[in-house]
Amino acid sequence: MSNSNGLFTDGSDNFVPQVDSIPLREVDSRAAGQGSIGDLVSDATAQISSLVRSEVELAKAELAKEAKKGAIGGGLFGVAGVIALYSSFFFFFFLAELLTKWMDSWAAYLIVFLVMLVLAGLLALVGYGKVKQISKPERTIESVQELKKLVPGKAQQRVALRETPGLYTDR
């Protein structure tokens, strides 16, 4: 699961989630007036099941990319916390003691404290910016909206008429 450095990711920004396959076939496989009610219910159940699975796959693929952005932003918040708490005990005491050579100790410690707050605030701001870049799964929302307009027997024709790439096409 992890690479040679013990990390679960290589840190590359070119992560491209994909949906392996979405089954697409004509919904009306029988001639008009053929088939029993049971056959029609069975077909509808199978088609709905396939459609729901496809929508879940698309949502997972879109959210995987956004989750990576959120993880980076969360990691930066963690770094800000570590610097603000643990490093201050060693490095910032050193700086305060160094400043006491030129000024009173209370002023030196106050300056170091303010520098610590500014540094933690900057890191938190960068982390917040990364978290704000997370977007909603646009393609999934669009394809669910398309389901409202679905007409049995016309699915292939509607896909062929589309000019922009969608859930079922790569054009």
C-alpha atoms as a PDB file:
ATOM      1  CA  MET A   1       0.000   0.000   0.000  1.00  0.00           C
ATOM      2  CA  SER A   2       2.752   2.505   0.787  1.00  0.00           C
ATOM      3  CA  ASN A   3       5.756   3.481  -1.308  1.00  0.00           C
ATOM      4  CA  SER A   4       9.427   3.082  -0.361  1.00  0.00           C
ATOM      5  CA  ASN A   5       9.308   6.231   1.794  1.00  0.00           C
ATOM      6  CA  GLY A   6       6.471   4.836   3.908  1.00  0.00           C
ATOM      7  CA  LEU A   7       3.972   7.290   2.426  1.00  0.00           C
ATOM      8  CA  PHE A   8       0.599   6.318   0.982  1.00  0.00           C
ATOM      9  CA  THR A   9       0.943   8.747  -1.931  1.00  0.00           C
ATOM     10  CA  ASP A  10       3.726   9.982  -4.144  1.00  0.00           C
ATOM     11  CA  GLY A  11       2.412  13.528  -3.875  1.00  0.00           C
ATOM     12  CA  SER A  12       1.856  13.972  -7.591  1.00  0.00           C
ATOM     13  CA  ASP A  13      -0.733  16.531  -8.586  1.00  0.00           C
ATOM     14  CA  ASN A  14      -1.755  14.769 -11.790  1.00  0.00           C
ATOM     15  CA  PHE A  15      -4.163  12.354 -10.124  1.00  0.00           C
ATOM     16  CA  VAL A  16      -6.948  11.574 -12.591  1.00  0.00           C
ATOM     17  CA  PRO A  17      -9.844   9.498 -11.227  1.00  0.00           C
ATOM     18  CA  GLN A  18     -11.770   7.481 -13.761  1.00  0.00           C
ATOM     19  CA  VAL A  19     -14.848   5.365 -13.965  1.00  0.00           C
ATOM     20  CA  ASP A  20     -13.914   1.997 -15.452  1.00  0.00           C
ATOM     21  CA  SER A  21     -17.115   1.299 -17.307  1.00  0.00           C
ATOM     22  CA  ILE A  22     -20.710   2.351 -17.412  1.00  0.00           C
ATOM     23  CA  PRO A  23     -23.045  -0.167 -19.013  1.00  0.00           C
ATOM     24  CA  LEU A  24     -25.140   1.464 -21.716  1.00  0.00           C
ATOM     25  CA  ARG A  25     -27.705  -0.362 -23.797  1.00  0.00           C
ATOM     26  CA  GLU A  26     -31.027   0.402 -25.340  1.00  0.00           C
ATOM     27  CA  VAL A  27     -33.707   0.290 -22.661  1.00  0.00           C
ATOM     28  CA  ASP A  28     -36.481  -1.087 -24.864  1.00  0.00           C
ATOM     29  CA  SER A  29     -35.154  -4.523 -25.789  1.00  0.00           C
ATOM     30  CA  ARG A  30     -38.595  -5.849 -26.678  1.00  0.00           C
ATOM     31  CA  ALA A  31     -40.951  -4.819 -29.437  1.00  0.00           C
ATOM     32  CA  ALA A  32     -43.966  -2.745 -28.458  1.00  0.00           C
ATOM     33  CA  GLY A  33     -46.692  -4.886 -26.933  1.00  0.00           C
ATOM     34  CA  GLN A  34     -44.341  -7.800 -26.219  1.00  0.00           C
ATOM     35  CA  GLY A  35     -43.389  -9.038 -22.772  1.00  0.00           C
ATOM     36  CA  SER A  36     -45.398  -9.465 -19.647  1.00  0.00           C
ATOM     37  CA  ILE A  37     -45.740  -7.092 -16.715  1.00  0.00           C
ATOM     38  CA  GLY A  38     -43.227  -9.249 -14.844  1.00  0.00           C
ATOM     39  CA  ASP A  39     -40.710  -8.888 -17.687  1.00  0.00           C
ATOM     40  CA  LEU A  40     -41.171  -5.122 -17.707  1.00  0.00           C
ATOM     41  CA  VAL A  41     -40.739  -4.869 -13.936  1.00  0.00           C
ATOM     42  CA  SER A  42     -37.670  -7.104 -14.112  1.00  0.00           C
ATOM     43  CA  ASP A  43     -36.158  -4.945 -16.883  1.00  0.00           C
ATOM     44  CA  ALA A  44     -36.905  -1.737 -14.995  1.00  0.00           C
ATOM     45  CA  THR A  45     -35.348  -3.100 -11.814  1.00  0.00           C
ATOM     46  CA  ALA A  46     -32.193  -4.176 -13.628  1.00  0.00           C
ATOM     47  CA  GLN A  47     -31.909  -0.828 -15.413  1.00  0.00           C
ATOM     48  CA  ILE A  48     -32.406   1.194 -12.231  1.00  0.00           C
ATOM     49  CA  SER A  49     -29.861  -0.942 -10.415  1.00  0.00           C
ATOM     50  CA  SER A  50     -27.333  -0.441 -13.214  1.00  0.00           C
ATOM     51  CA  LEU A  51     -27.994   3.289 -13.308  1.00  0.00           C
ATOM     52  CA  VAL A  52     -27.582   3.706  -9.555  1.00  0.00           C
ATOM     53  CA  ARG A  53     -24.314   1.746  -9.605  1.00  0.00           C
ATOM     54  CA  SER A  54     -23.048   3.949 -12.436  1.00  0.00           C
ATOM     55  CA  GLU A  55     -23.948   7.134 -10.576  1.00  0.00           C
ATOM     56  CA  VAL A  56     -22.189   5.905  -7.432  1.00  0.00           C
ATOM     57  CA  GLU A  57     -19.065   5.067  -9.456  1.00  0.00           C
ATOM     58  CA  LEU A  58     -19.039   8.519 -11.028  1.00  0.00           C
ATOM     59  CA  ALA A  59     -19.493  10.220  -7.668  1.00  0.00           C
ATOM     60  CA  LYS A  60     -16.659   8.180  -6.140  1.00  0.00           C
ATOM     61  CA  ALA A  61     -14.327   9.086  -8.995  1.00  0.00           C
ATOM     62  CA  GLU A  62     -15.095  12.798  -8.743  1.00  0.00           C
ATOM     63  CA  LEU A  63     -14.896  12.918  -4.964  1.00  0.00           C
ATOM     64  CA  ALA A  64     -11.543  11.089  -4.888  1.00  0.00           C
ATOM     65  CA  LYS A  65      -9.851  14.029  -6.590  1.00  0.00           C
ATOM     66  CA  GLU A  66     -11.502  16.542  -4.260  1.00  0.00           C
ATOM     67  CA  ALA A  67     -10.621  14.469  -1.191  1.00  0.00           C
ATOM     68  CA  LYS A  68      -6.945  14.773  -2.067  1.00  0.00           C
ATOM     69  CA  LYS A  69      -7.261  18.579  -2.066  1.00  0.00           C
ATOM     70  CA  GLY A  70      -8.956  18.416   1.324  1.00  0.00           C
ATOM     71  CA  ALA A  71      -6.223  16.163   2.698  1.00  0.00           C
ATOM     72  CA  ILE A  72      -3.531  18.619   1.611  1.00  0.00           C
ATOM     73  CA  GLY A  73      -5.390  21.503   3.263  1.00  0.00           C
ATOM     74  CA  GLY A  74      -5.899  19.477   6.427  1.00  0.00           C
ATOM     75  CA  GLY A  75      -2.222  18.535   6.468  1.00  0.00           C
ATOM     76  CA  LEU A  76      -1.258  22.194   6.301  1.00  0.00           C
ATOM     77  CA  PHE A  77      -3.525  22.908   9.267  1.00  0.00           C
ATOM     78  CA  GLY A  78      -1.690  20.124  11.108  1.00  0.00           C
ATOM     79  CA  VAL A  79       1.687  21.615  10.253  1.00  0.00           C
ATOM     80  CA  ALA A  80       0.526  24.974  11.579  1.00  0.00           C
ATOM     81  CA  GLY A  81      -0.494  23.345  14.855  1.00  0.00           C
ATOM     82  CA  VAL A  82       2.770  21.462  15.249  1.00  0.00           C
ATOM     83  CA  ILE A  83       4.836  24.600  14.667  1.00  0.00           C
ATOM     84  CA  ALA A  84       2.708  26.657  17.027  1.00  0.00           C
ATOM     85  CA  LEU A  85       2.918  24.151  19.881  1.00  0.00           C
ATOM     86  CA  TYR A  86       6.002  21.949  19.805  1.00  0.00           C
ATOM     87  CA  SER A  87       8.676  23.945  18.006  1.00  0.00           C
ATOM     88  CA  SER A  88       8.028  26.995  20.105  1.00  0.00           C
ATOM     89  CA  PHE A  89       9.518  25.342  23.182  1.00  0.00           C
ATOM     90  CA  PHE A  90      12.940  25.035  21.591  1.00  0.00           C
ATOM     91  CA  PHE A  91      13.514  27.402  18.701  1.00  0.00           C
ATOM     92  CA  PHE A  92      11.520  30.374  19.954  1.00  0.00           C
ATOM     93  CA  PHE A  93      13.065  30.271  23.418  1.00  0.00           C
ATOM     94  CA  PHE A  94      16.421  30.443  21.711  1.00  0.00           C
ATOM     95  CA  LEU A  95      15.324  33.511  19.713  1.00  0.00           C
ATOM     96  CA  ALA A  96      13.977  35.251  22.806  1.00  0.00           C
ATOM     97  CA  GLU A  97      17.205  34.646  24.689  1.00  0.00           C
ATOM     98  CA  LEU A  98      19.175  35.941  21.727  1.00  0.00           C
ATOM     99  CA  LEU A  99      17.105  39.134  21.659  1.00  0.00           C
ATOM    100  CA  THR A 100      17.742  39.726  25.365  1.00  0.00           C
ATOM    101  CA  LYS A 101      21.292  40.682  24.372  1.00  0.00           C
ATOM    102  CA  TRP A 102      19.923  43.911  22.855  1.00  0.00           C
ATOM    103  CA  MET A 103      16.706  44.613  24.835  1.00  0.00           C
ATOM    104  CA  ASP A 104      14.842  43.807  28.021  1.00  0.00           C
ATOM    105  CA  SER A 105      13.784  40.163  28.328  1.00  0.00           C
ATOM    106  CA  TRP A 106      10.038  40.960  28.477  1.00  0.00           C
ATOM    107  CA  ALA A 107      10.242  42.788  25.107  1.00  0.00           C
ATOM    108  CA  ALA A 108      12.282  39.968  23.554  1.00  0.00           C
ATOM    109  CA  TYR A 109       9.747  37.324  24.623  1.00  0.00           C
ATOM    110  CA  LEU A 110       6.847  39.489  23.416  1.00  0.00           C
ATOM    111  CA  ILE A 111       8.417  39.882  19.970  1.00  0.00           C
ATOM    112  CA  VAL A 112       9.002  36.135  19.680  1.00  0.00           C
ATOM    113  CA  PHE A 113       5.421  35.418  20.766  1.00  0.00           C
ATOM    114  CA  LEU A 114       4.022  37.757  18.095  1.00  0.00           C
ATOM    115  CA  VAL A 115       6.226  36.160  15.407  1.00  0.00           C
ATOM    116  CA  MET A 116       4.898  32.736  16.444  1.00  0.00           C
ATOM    117  CA  LEU A 117       1.289  33.924  16.102  1.00  0.00           C
ATOM    118  CA  VAL A 118       1.905  35.455  12.671  1.00  0.00           C
ATOM    119  CA  LEU A 119       3.590  32.272  11.397  1.00  0.00           C
ATOM    120  CA  ALA A 120       0.767  30.042  12.647  1.00  0.00           C
ATOM    121  CA  GLY A 121      -1.808  32.423  11.153  1.00  0.00           C
ATOM    122  CA  LEU A 122      -0.116  32.384   7.741  1.00  0.00           C
ATOM    123  CA  LEU A 123       0.005  28.591   7.637  1.00  0.00           C
ATOM    124  CA  ALA A 124      -3.629  28.371   8.703  1.00  0.00           C
ATOM    125  CA  LEU A 125      -4.551  30.858   5.951  1.00  0.00           C
ATOM    126  CA  VAL A 126      -2.763  28.782   3.305  1.00  0.00           C
ATOM    127  CA  GLY A 127      -4.495  25.638   4.593  1.00  0.00           C
ATOM    128  CA  TYR A 128      -7.871  27.386   4.492  1.00  0.00           C
ATOM    129  CA  GLY A 129      -7.196  28.420   0.903  1.00  0.00           C
ATOM    130  CA  LYS A 130      -6.504  24.796  -0.063  1.00  0.00           C
ATOM    131  CA  VAL A 131      -9.713  23.607   1.609  1.00  0.00           C
ATOM    132  CA  LYS A 132     -11.734  26.330  -0.173  1.00  0.00           C
ATOM    133  CA  GLN A 133     -10.547  24.933  -3.550  1.00  0.00           C
ATOM    134  CA  ILE A 134     -12.620  21.788  -3.047  1.00  0.00           C
ATOM    135  CA  SER A 135     -15.487  21.800  -5.528  1.00  0.00           C
ATOM    136  CA  LYS A 136     -18.721  19.879  -5.778  1.00  0.00           C
ATOM    137  CA  PRO A 137     -19.026  16.898  -8.184  1.00  0.00           C
ATOM    138  CA  GLU A 138     -20.427  18.837 -11.165  1.00  0.00           C
ATOM    139  CA  ARG A 139     -20.652  15.909 -13.596  1.00  0.00           C
ATOM    140  CA  THR A 140     -22.572  13.758 -11.125  1.00  0.00           C
ATOM    141  CA  ILE A 141     -25.060  16.539 -10.420  1.00  0.00           C
ATOM    142  CA  GLU A 142     -25.480  17.139 -14.158  1.00  0.00           C
ATOM    143  CA  SER A 143     -26.059  13.470 -14.937  1.00  0.00           C
ATOM    144  CA  VAL A 144     -28.616  13.119 -12.137  1.00  0.00           C
ATOM    145  CA  GLN A 145     -30.448  16.146 -13.573  1.00  0.00           C
ATOM    146  CA  GLU A 146     -30.430  14.393 -16.974  1.00  0.00           C
ATOM    147  CA  LEU A 147     -32.264  11.440 -15.450  1.00  0.00           C
ATOM    148  CA  LYS A 148     -35.344  13.624 -15.015  1.00  0.00           C
ATOM    149  CA  LYS A 149     -35.490  14.050 -18.804  1.00  0.00           C
ATOM    150  CA  LEU A 150     -34.951  10.373 -19.633  1.00  0.00           C
ATOM    151  CA  VAL A 151     -37.521   8.948 -22.049  1.00  0.00           C
ATOM    152  CA  PRO A 152     -37.646   5.144 -22.406  1.00  0.00           C
ATOM    153  CA  GLY A 153     -36.426   4.056 -25.828  1.00  0.00           C
ATOM    154  CA  LYS A 154     -34.772   7.392 -26.607  1.00  0.00           C
ATOM    155  CA  ALA A 155     -31.579   7.061 -24.541  1.00  0.00           C
ATOM    156  CA  GLN A 156     -29.265   6.241 -27.473  1.00  0.00           C
ATOM    157  CA  GLN A 157     -30.676   9.090 -29.556  1.00  0.00           C
ATOM    158  CA  ARG A 158     -30.223  11.621 -26.736  1.00  0.00           C
ATOM    159  CA  VAL A 159     -26.616  10.510 -26.210  1.00  0.00           C
ATOM    160  CA  ALA A 160     -25.910  10.815 -29.947  1.00  0.00           C
ATOM    161  CA  LEU A 161     -27.304  14.370 -30.019  1.00  0.00           C
ATOM    162  CA  ARG A 162     -25.100  15.602 -27.188  1.00  0.00           C
ATOM    163  CA  GLU A 163     -22.310  17.947 -28.235  1.00  0.00           C
ATOM    164  CA  THR A 164     -20.498  18.050 -24.898  1.00  0.00           C
ATOM    165  CA  PRO A 165     -18.937  15.060 -23.144  1.00  0.00           C
ATOM    166  CA  GLY A 166     -21.154  13.619 -20.474  1.00  0.00           C
ATOM    167  CA  LEU A 167     -21.576  10.669 -18.216  1.00  0.00           C
ATOM    168  CA  TYR A 168     -22.041   8.150 -21.018  1.00  0.00           C
ATOM    169  CA  THR A 169     -19.741   9.609 -23.690  1.00  0.00           C
ATOM    170  CA  ASP A 170     -16.109  10.642 -24.068  1.00  0.00           C
ATOM    171  CA  ARG A 171     -16.709  13.079 -26.899  1.00  0.00           C
END
